[in-house]
Amino acid sequence: MAKPDRRIYEIAAQVAGAAPDRCLFVDDRLEDVQATRSFGMTGVPFFERRWTSPPH
């Protein structure tokens, strides 16, 4: 099994010993973030920002 299969999130929460609403999931794929949200986890999309020059 693999993301976004709901079972993978169930197992992750179980192994962590936490209720889904106490879990945070960060991923760069919106499909996977939405899947965690539908399971009751907090899902946050991550988009890497690449600097072309040093920040000011």
C-alpha atoms as a PDB file:
ATOM      1  CA  MET A   1       0.000   0.000   0.000  1.00  0.00           C
ATOM      2  CA  ALA A   2       1.078   3.549  -0.605  1.00  0.00           C
ATOM      3  CA  LYS A   3      -0.190   7.101  -0.464  1.00  0.00           C
ATOM      4  CA  PRO A   4      -2.988   8.088  -0.928  1.00  0.00           C
ATOM      5  CA  ASP A   5      -4.467   4.748   0.250  1.00  0.00           C
ATOM      6  CA  ARG A   6      -6.332   5.502   3.481  1.00  0.00           C
ATOM      7  CA  ARG A   7      -4.878   2.408   5.172  1.00  0.00           C
ATOM      8  CA  ILE A   8      -1.374   3.885   5.146  1.00  0.00           C
ATOM      9  CA  TYR A   9      -2.578   6.844   7.223  1.00  0.00           C
ATOM     10  CA  GLU A  10      -4.474   4.570   9.614  1.00  0.00           C
ATOM     11  CA  ILE A  11      -1.318   2.539  10.190  1.00  0.00           C
ATOM     12  CA  ALA A  12       0.820   5.667  10.635  1.00  0.00           C
ATOM     13  CA  ALA A  13      -1.520   7.031  13.312  1.00  0.00           C
ATOM     14  CA  GLN A  14      -1.681   3.658  15.026  1.00  0.00           C
ATOM     15  CA  VAL A  15       2.117   3.258  15.065  1.00  0.00           C
ATOM     16  CA  ALA A  16       2.470   6.804  16.412  1.00  0.00           C
ATOM     17  CA  GLY A  17      -0.068   5.988  19.100  1.00  0.00           C
ATOM     18  CA  ALA A  18      -2.063   9.088  18.235  1.00  0.00           C
ATOM     19  CA  ALA A  19      -5.590   9.829  17.141  1.00  0.00           C
ATOM     20  CA  PRO A  20      -5.783  11.047  13.538  1.00  0.00           C
ATOM     21  CA  ASP A  21      -6.838  14.532  14.679  1.00  0.00           C
ATOM     22  CA  ARG A  22      -3.532  14.771  16.569  1.00  0.00           C
ATOM     23  CA  CYS A  23      -1.418  13.972  13.483  1.00  0.00           C
ATOM     24  CA  LEU A  24       0.208  16.417  11.094  1.00  0.00           C
ATOM     25  CA  PHE A  25       1.002  15.405   7.523  1.00  0.00           C
ATOM     26  CA  VAL A  26       3.081  17.596   5.200  1.00  0.00           C
ATOM     27  CA  ASP A  27       3.500  16.670   1.540  1.00  0.00           C
ATOM     28  CA  ASP A  28       4.123  18.279  -1.818  1.00  0.00           C
ATOM     29  CA  ARG A  29       1.283  16.359  -3.493  1.00  0.00           C
ATOM     30  CA  LEU A  30      -2.151  17.893  -2.981  1.00  0.00           C
ATOM     31  CA  GLU A  31      -3.813  14.519  -3.607  1.00  0.00           C
ATOM     32  CA  ASP A  32      -2.014  13.057  -0.584  1.00  0.00           C
ATOM     33  CA  VAL A  33      -2.718  16.104   1.599  1.00  0.00           C
ATOM     34  CA  GLN A  34      -6.432  15.893   0.741  1.00  0.00           C
ATOM     35  CA  ALA A  35      -6.453  12.175   1.550  1.00  0.00           C
ATOM     36  CA  THR A  36      -5.072  12.804   5.037  1.00  0.00           C
ATOM     37  CA  ARG A  37      -7.631  15.528   5.625  1.00  0.00           C
ATOM     38  CA  SER A  38     -10.467  13.179   4.693  1.00  0.00           C
ATOM     39  CA  PHE A  39      -9.066  10.738   7.274  1.00  0.00           C
ATOM     40  CA  GLY A  40      -9.159  13.434   9.963  1.00  0.00           C
ATOM     41  CA  MET A  41      -5.483  14.396  10.028  1.00  0.00           C
ATOM     42  CA  THR A  42      -4.193  17.906   9.573  1.00  0.00           C
ATOM     43  CA  GLY A  43      -2.767  18.008   6.060  1.00  0.00           C
ATOM     44  CA  VAL A  44      -0.483  20.826   4.955  1.00  0.00           C
ATOM     45  CA  PRO A  45       0.814  21.242   1.418  1.00  0.00           C
ATOM     46  CA  PHE A  46       4.527  21.976   1.065  1.00  0.00           C
ATOM     47  CA  PHE A  47       5.981  23.733  -1.944  1.00  0.00           C
ATOM     48  CA  GLU A  48       9.716  24.216  -1.967  1.00  0.00           C
ATOM     49  CA  ARG A  49      10.855  27.691  -2.696  1.00  0.00           C
ATOM     50  CA  ARG A  50      14.132  27.823  -4.536  1.00  0.00           C
ATOM     51  CA  TRP A  51      16.062  31.029  -4.278  1.00  0.00           C
ATOM     52  CA  THR A  52      17.768  32.295  -7.407  1.00  0.00           C
ATOM     53  CA  SER A  53      19.658  34.789  -5.286  1.00  0.00           C
ATOM     54  CA  PRO A  54      20.220  35.107  -1.529  1.00  0.00           C
ATOM     55  CA  PRO A  55      17.222  36.509   0.365  1.00  0.00           C
ATOM     56  CA  HIS A  56      17.442  40.171   1.362  1.00  0.00           C
END
